[in-house]
Amino acid sequence: MDVEGLIWQYSQGHREFSRLDLQRIELIRQKLTEVNLSRAVLDWANLSGTDLSGANLNRAELTHARLISAKLTAADLTGANLSQSDLSWVDLEGANLVSADLSGANLKQVNLSNADLRSANLRGANLSGAMLSGAKLSRVDLSEADLRGVDLSGANFSRADLSGADLREVDLTNANLYKADISDSKLHNIDLQEAFLQKANFSRANLKGANLSGAILREVNLNLVALSEFHVRAVTLASEIDLSSANLQQANLKGAILRHANLGYSLLHRTLLNDSILRGANLIDASLRGGDFRNANFRNSYISDINLTEATMPDGSLHP
């Protein structure tokens, strides 16, 4: 079917266009609200500026499609293939994208407020400047995605894959990251205040300048993580948290509760741990050179073979 034929039929009240082969069709700035394009083939199509509000695009093929500034509010894109497509500036508020493939897609400045993205594949997608307030994101694959500067406060990322993602300057306050995989990701200056991080995997992630004040970090894997200039003032780290071999240089752990934490072989150069509680913690072979431990509680901790050169001790004295 050609463009003219589709537009004419739509103008006559026809809405059923499912399963049609519409590859490379040019439907720019058209109004096709509530149209049924389920299972239609729209690869390489240009739908830029078109109003597809309430449209049915269930399992539609839209690889490499251009939908710049299109309107897809409340559209059904369940299982749709949008890989490598350009969805920049698209309005997808309230859209259903469950199990949709958006891998490698350009979602810059997209509006995904209240959208359902559960189990969607956004691997390597560009989401810089995207709006995701109220979006459902459990089990979503955002590995290697670009989310720089995005407001994800209160988002539900339980069991989500964020491995290798760029999350610099992201706001994840009060977010749910239960069992989320955040390994190898860039988390510079990320805000994780009051976030729920139980059983999250942060291994090899870079949390330089991150703020986790008040975050819940039970059973979190921070092995080999870079935490320089890390800020977790007064955060409660549950017993037996694994921080072995972690890089905590110049981290701000003032007032942190680290009972029974595993800090073996960790790097704590110039780290602030004053007023912290490290009772029963494992600090074997840890390097605490130049750290500040004033009023810190090391009772019953394991401190064999540690390096305390130039460290400020709990009583305020300077270690030689």
Protein backbone atom coordinates (compact mmCIF):
# COMPACT_ATOMS: atom_id res chain seq x y z
CA MET A 1 0.00 0.00 0.00
CA ASP A 2 1.29 3.47 -0.86
CA VAL A 3 1.08 6.60 1.28
CA GLU A 4 -1.84 8.15 -0.57
CA GLY A 5 -3.89 4.98 -0.34
CA LEU A 6 -3.33 4.60 3.39
CA ILE A 7 -4.13 8.23 4.15
CA TRP A 8 -7.29 8.12 2.01
CA GLN A 9 -8.55 4.93 3.67
CA TYR A 10 -7.83 6.38 7.11
CA SER A 11 -9.77 9.55 6.20
CA GLN A 12 -12.72 7.30 5.32
CA GLY A 13 -12.74 5.84 8.82
CA HIS A 14 -10.65 2.75 8.10
CA ARG A 15 -8.32 1.90 11.00
CA GLU A 16 -7.26 -1.67 10.25
CA PHE A 17 -3.79 -1.82 8.67
CA SER A 18 -2.28 -4.72 10.58
CA ARG A 19 0.31 -7.02 9.02
CA LEU A 20 0.86 -4.71 6.03
CA ASP A 21 4.28 -4.36 4.44
CA LEU A 22 4.99 -0.63 4.75
CA GLN A 23 8.77 -0.66 4.60
CA ARG A 24 10.35 2.75 3.89
CA ILE A 25 6.96 4.46 3.80
CA GLU A 26 6.98 8.26 4.27
CA LEU A 27 4.20 9.28 6.68
CA ILE A 28 5.44 12.65 7.91
CA ARG A 29 3.28 14.91 10.11
CA GLN A 30 0.11 12.85 9.57
CA LYS A 31 -2.68 12.22 12.06
CA LEU A 32 -3.19 8.48 12.53
CA THR A 33 -4.56 8.28 16.06
CA GLU A 34 -5.82 4.86 17.20
CA VAL A 35 -4.68 3.24 13.95
CA ASN A 36 -4.05 -0.51 14.04
CA LEU A 37 -0.58 -1.29 12.70
CA SER A 38 -0.01 -4.41 14.76
CA ARG A 39 2.58 -6.75 13.20
CA ALA A 40 3.03 -4.28 10.34
CA VAL A 41 6.46 -4.08 8.72
CA LEU A 42 7.68 -0.48 9.00
CA ASP A 43 11.42 -0.96 8.80
CA TRP A 44 13.22 2.21 7.63
CA ALA A 45 9.87 4.07 7.59
CA ASN A 46 9.74 7.81 8.27
CA LEU A 47 6.97 8.66 10.73
CA SER A 48 8.47 11.90 12.01
CA GLY A 49 5.98 14.33 13.49
CA THR A 50 3.08 11.91 13.03
CA ASP A 51 0.38 11.64 15.69
CA LEU A 52 0.01 7.95 16.58
CA SER A 53 -1.64 8.45 19.95
CA GLY A 54 -3.45 5.33 21.08
CA ALA A 55 -2.15 3.40 18.08
CA ASN A 56 -1.76 -0.36 18.13
CA LEU A 57 1.79 -1.22 17.10
CA ASN A 58 1.91 -4.52 18.93
CA ARG A 59 4.82 -6.59 17.53
CA ALA A 60 5.34 -4.14 14.68
CA GLU A 61 8.72 -4.09 12.93
CA LEU A 62 10.25 -0.61 13.10
CA THR A 63 13.96 -1.21 12.83
CA HIS A 64 15.89 1.87 11.65
CA ALA A 65 12.60 3.80 11.52
CA ARG A 66 12.54 7.59 11.99
CA LEU A 67 9.94 8.82 14.46
CA ILE A 68 11.47 12.16 15.40
CA SER A 69 8.98 14.28 17.40
CA ALA A 70 6.18 11.77 16.77
CA LYS A 71 3.35 11.45 19.28
CA LEU A 72 2.75 7.95 20.65
CA THR A 73 0.98 8.66 23.92
CA ALA A 74 -0.82 5.59 25.28
CA ALA A 75 0.27 3.61 22.21
CA ASP A 76 0.61 -0.17 22.40
CA LEU A 77 4.15 -1.15 21.39
CA THR A 78 4.25 -4.46 23.24
CA GLY A 79 6.95 -6.65 21.73
CA ALA A 80 7.63 -4.13 18.94
CA ASN A 81 11.05 -4.10 17.31
CA LEU A 82 12.42 -0.54 17.38
CA SER A 83 16.10 -1.41 17.34
CA GLN A 84 18.36 1.28 15.86
CA SER A 85 15.36 3.58 15.39
CA ASP A 86 15.37 7.35 15.96
CA LEU A 87 12.84 8.23 18.65
CA SER A 88 14.37 11.54 19.68
CA TRP A 89 11.88 14.03 21.11
CA VAL A 90 9.05 11.45 20.83
CA ASP A 91 6.14 11.62 23.28
CA LEU A 92 5.59 8.10 24.64
CA GLU A 93 3.81 9.06 27.83
CA GLY A 94 1.77 6.14 29.13
CA ALA A 95 2.84 3.90 26.25
CA ASN A 96 3.09 0.13 26.64
CA LEU A 97 6.60 -1.02 25.69
CA VAL A 98 6.67 -4.32 27.56
CA SER A 99 9.30 -6.62 26.00
CA ALA A 100 9.92 -4.12 23.18
CA ASP A 101 13.33 -4.11 21.49
CA LEU A 102 14.85 -0.61 21.62
CA SER A 103 18.46 -1.69 21.47
CA GLY A 104 20.72 0.94 19.96
CA ALA A 105 17.79 3.34 19.58
CA ASN A 106 18.12 7.12 19.84
CA LEU A 107 15.78 8.15 22.67
CA LYS A 108 17.30 11.56 23.32
CA GLN A 109 14.84 13.90 25.07
CA VAL A 110 12.07 11.29 24.78
CA ASN A 111 9.09 11.47 27.13
CA LEU A 112 8.57 8.06 28.74
CA SER A 113 6.64 9.30 31.76
CA ASN A 114 4.39 6.55 33.14
CA ALA A 115 5.40 4.25 30.27
CA ASP A 116 5.61 0.51 30.86
CA LEU A 117 9.10 -0.69 29.92
CA ARG A 118 9.18 -3.93 31.88
CA SER A 119 11.53 -6.48 30.31
CA ALA A 120 12.23 -4.11 27.41
CA ASN A 121 15.62 -4.23 25.69
CA LEU A 122 17.34 -0.82 25.65
CA ARG A 123 20.87 -2.10 25.39
CA GLY A 124 23.15 0.64 24.08
CA ALA A 125 20.26 3.11 23.70
CA ASN A 126 20.79 6.86 24.03
CA LEU A 127 18.44 8.16 26.73
CA SER A 128 20.21 11.41 27.51
CA GLY A 129 17.70 14.02 28.61
CA ALA A 130 14.86 11.48 28.68
CA MET A 131 11.88 11.87 31.04
CA LEU A 132 11.11 8.64 32.89
CA SER A 133 9.08 9.74 35.90
CA GLY A 134 6.63 7.04 36.91
CA ALA A 135 7.95 4.59 34.30
CA LYS A 136 7.91 0.86 35.06
CA LEU A 137 11.46 -0.40 34.57
CA SER A 138 11.72 -3.73 36.36
CA ARG A 139 13.84 -6.30 34.51
CA VAL A 140 14.64 -3.76 31.78
CA ASP A 141 17.93 -4.19 29.93
CA LEU A 142 19.78 -0.86 29.96
CA SER A 143 23.24 -2.31 29.64
CA GLU A 144 25.66 0.11 27.98
CA ALA A 145 22.86 2.68 27.66
CA ASP A 146 23.54 6.42 27.91
CA LEU A 147 21.45 7.90 30.75
CA ARG A 148 23.60 10.89 31.60
CA GLY A 149 21.81 13.53 33.65
CA VAL A 150 18.45 11.74 33.61
CA ASP A 151 16.03 12.17 36.52
CA LEU A 152 15.21 8.64 37.68
CA SER A 153 14.14 9.53 41.19
CA GLY A 154 11.75 6.97 42.61
CA ALA A 155 12.18 4.65 39.60
CA ASN A 156 11.77 0.89 39.99
CA PHE A 157 14.82 -0.85 38.56
CA SER A 158 14.44 -4.12 40.47
CA ARG A 159 16.41 -6.88 38.71
CA ALA A 160 17.25 -4.44 35.87
CA ASP A 161 20.46 -4.77 33.87
CA LEU A 162 22.41 -1.50 33.98
CA SER A 163 25.81 -3.06 33.46
CA GLY A 164 28.22 -0.81 31.60
CA ALA A 165 25.66 2.01 31.49
CA ASP A 166 26.63 5.68 31.64
CA LEU A 167 24.78 7.01 34.70
CA ARG A 168 26.88 10.09 35.39
CA GLU A 169 25.00 12.91 37.13
CA VAL A 170 21.83 10.75 37.29
CA ASP A 171 19.28 11.33 40.06
CA LEU A 172 18.29 7.96 41.57
CA THR A 173 17.05 9.23 44.91
CA ASN A 174 14.52 6.86 46.46
CA ALA A 175 14.94 4.48 43.51
CA ASN A 176 14.48 0.72 43.88
CA LEU A 177 17.56 -1.12 42.58
CA TYR A 178 16.91 -4.45 44.25
CA LYS A 179 19.12 -7.10 42.63
CA ALA A 180 19.98 -4.67 39.83
CA ASP A 181 23.19 -5.31 37.89
CA ILE A 182 25.19 -2.05 37.83
CA SER A 183 28.58 -3.64 37.27
CA ASP A 184 31.15 -1.82 35.13
CA SER A 185 28.91 1.27 34.97
CA LYS A 186 29.90 4.93 35.20
CA LEU A 187 28.31 6.47 38.28
CA HIS A 188 30.29 9.70 38.71
CA ASN A 189 28.41 12.16 40.93
CA ILE A 190 25.29 9.98 40.92
CA ASP A 191 22.68 10.75 43.57
CA LEU A 192 21.49 7.56 45.32
CA GLN A 193 20.17 9.15 48.50
CA GLU A 194 17.61 6.93 50.24
CA ALA A 195 17.84 4.41 47.37
CA PHE A 196 17.09 0.73 48.00
CA LEU A 197 20.16 -1.20 46.86
CA GLN A 198 19.74 -4.58 48.50
CA LYS A 199 21.64 -7.32 46.62
CA ALA A 200 22.60 -4.88 43.85
CA ASN A 201 25.81 -5.63 41.97
CA PHE A 202 28.18 -2.64 41.78
CA SER A 203 31.31 -4.64 40.98
CA ARG A 204 33.92 -2.68 39.03
CA ALA A 205 31.61 0.36 38.85
CA ASN A 206 33.00 3.88 39.20
CA LEU A 207 31.16 5.75 41.98
CA LYS A 208 33.46 8.75 42.16
CA GLY A 209 31.67 11.56 43.97
CA ALA A 210 28.49 9.49 44.42
CA ASN A 211 26.05 10.32 47.21
CA LEU A 212 24.48 7.34 48.98
CA SER A 213 23.38 9.11 52.16
CA GLY A 214 20.63 7.08 53.78
CA ALA A 215 20.76 4.37 51.12
CA ILE A 216 19.99 0.76 52.02
CA LEU A 217 22.98 -1.36 50.98
CA ARG A 218 22.23 -4.79 52.42
CA GLU A 219 24.19 -7.60 50.73
CA VAL A 220 25.50 -5.24 48.04
CA ASN A 221 28.47 -6.37 45.95
CA LEU A 222 31.00 -3.52 45.76
CA ASN A 223 33.98 -5.70 45.00
CA LEU A 224 36.68 -3.86 43.02
CA VAL A 225 34.48 -0.77 42.83
CA ALA A 226 36.03 2.69 42.48
CA LEU A 227 34.60 4.88 45.23
CA SER A 228 36.95 7.84 45.35
CA GLU A 229 35.27 10.96 46.78
CA PHE A 230 32.34 8.72 47.65
CA HIS A 231 29.82 10.31 50.03
CA VAL A 232 27.77 8.07 52.33
CA ARG A 233 27.50 10.20 55.44
CA ALA A 234 25.66 8.36 58.20
CA VAL A 235 24.64 5.55 55.85
CA THR A 236 23.87 2.19 57.42
CA LEU A 237 25.75 -0.65 55.74
CA ALA A 238 24.33 -3.96 56.90
CA SER A 239 26.51 -6.62 58.43
CA GLU A 240 28.91 -8.56 56.24
CA ILE A 241 28.78 -6.14 53.31
CA ASP A 242 31.52 -7.04 50.83
CA LEU A 243 33.90 -4.16 50.14
CA SER A 244 36.95 -6.38 49.66
CA SER A 245 39.57 -4.92 47.33
CA ALA A 246 37.40 -1.82 46.85
CA ASN A 247 39.00 1.50 45.96
CA LEU A 248 37.76 3.94 48.60
CA GLN A 249 40.44 6.60 48.22
CA GLN A 250 39.32 9.97 49.59
CA ALA A 251 35.82 8.60 50.17
CA ASN A 252 33.64 10.36 52.74
CA LEU A 253 32.45 7.60 55.07
CA LYS A 254 32.02 9.84 58.08
CA GLY A 255 29.58 8.29 60.54
CA ALA A 256 29.11 5.17 58.40
CA ILE A 257 28.04 2.00 60.17
CA LEU A 258 30.19 -0.84 58.84
CA ARG A 259 29.73 -3.58 61.41
CA HIS A 260 31.28 -6.88 60.27
CA ALA A 261 31.97 -5.39 56.82
CA ASN A 262 34.61 -7.05 54.68
CA LEU A 263 37.21 -4.40 53.84
CA GLY A 264 40.08 -6.81 53.32
CA TYR A 265 42.69 -5.63 50.79
CA SER A 266 40.73 -2.42 50.25
CA LEU A 267 42.38 0.91 49.44
CA LEU A 268 41.38 3.59 51.96
CA HIS A 269 43.99 6.28 51.33
CA ARG A 270 42.90 9.63 52.84
CA THR A 271 39.44 8.20 53.50
CA LEU A 272 37.26 9.94 56.08
CA LEU A 273 36.01 7.37 58.58
CA ASN A 274 35.74 9.58 61.63
CA ASP A 275 32.80 8.71 63.92
CA SER A 276 32.25 5.50 61.94
CA ILE A 277 31.49 2.11 63.45
CA LEU A 278 33.72 -0.72 62.23
CA ARG A 279 33.11 -3.23 64.99
CA GLY A 280 34.00 -6.74 63.89
CA ALA A 281 35.04 -5.52 60.44
CA ASN A 282 37.66 -7.32 58.39
CA LEU A 283 40.51 -4.92 57.55
CA ILE A 284 43.20 -7.52 56.85
CA ASP A 285 45.83 -6.16 54.45
CA ALA A 286 43.83 -2.96 53.95
CA SER A 287 45.75 0.24 53.25
CA LEU A 288 44.51 3.10 55.43
CA ARG A 289 47.36 5.49 54.70
CA GLY A 290 46.50 9.09 55.61
CA GLY A 291 42.95 8.19 56.66
CA ASP A 292 40.97 10.02 59.33
CA PHE A 293 39.67 7.65 62.05
CA ARG A 294 38.95 10.08 64.87
CA ASN A 295 36.35 8.62 67.24
CA ALA A 296 35.97 5.57 64.98
CA ASN A 297 35.01 2.30 66.70
CA PHE A 298 37.28 -0.61 65.67
CA ARG A 299 36.30 -2.91 68.53
CA ASN A 300 36.79 -6.62 67.72
CA SER A 301 37.84 -5.78 64.14
CA TYR A 302 40.52 -7.73 62.29
CA ILE A 303 43.40 -5.35 61.61
CA SER A 304 46.45 -7.50 60.89
CA ASP A 305 48.95 -6.30 58.25
CA ILE A 306 47.19 -2.97 57.69
CA ASN A 307 48.99 0.19 56.58
CA LEU A 308 48.28 3.12 58.92
CA THR A 309 51.06 5.45 57.79
CA GLU A 310 50.15 9.09 58.54
CA ALA A 311 46.64 8.07 59.56
CA THR A 312 44.78 10.01 62.27
CA MET A 313 43.94 7.47 64.95
CA PRO A 314 40.67 7.24 66.95
CA ASP A 315 42.25 9.17 69.84
CA GLY A 316 43.34 11.99 67.51
CA SER A 317 47.01 11.06 67.43
CA LEU A 318 48.94 10.82 64.17
CA HIS A 319 50.37 7.43 63.26
CA PRO A 320 54.01 7.66 62.18
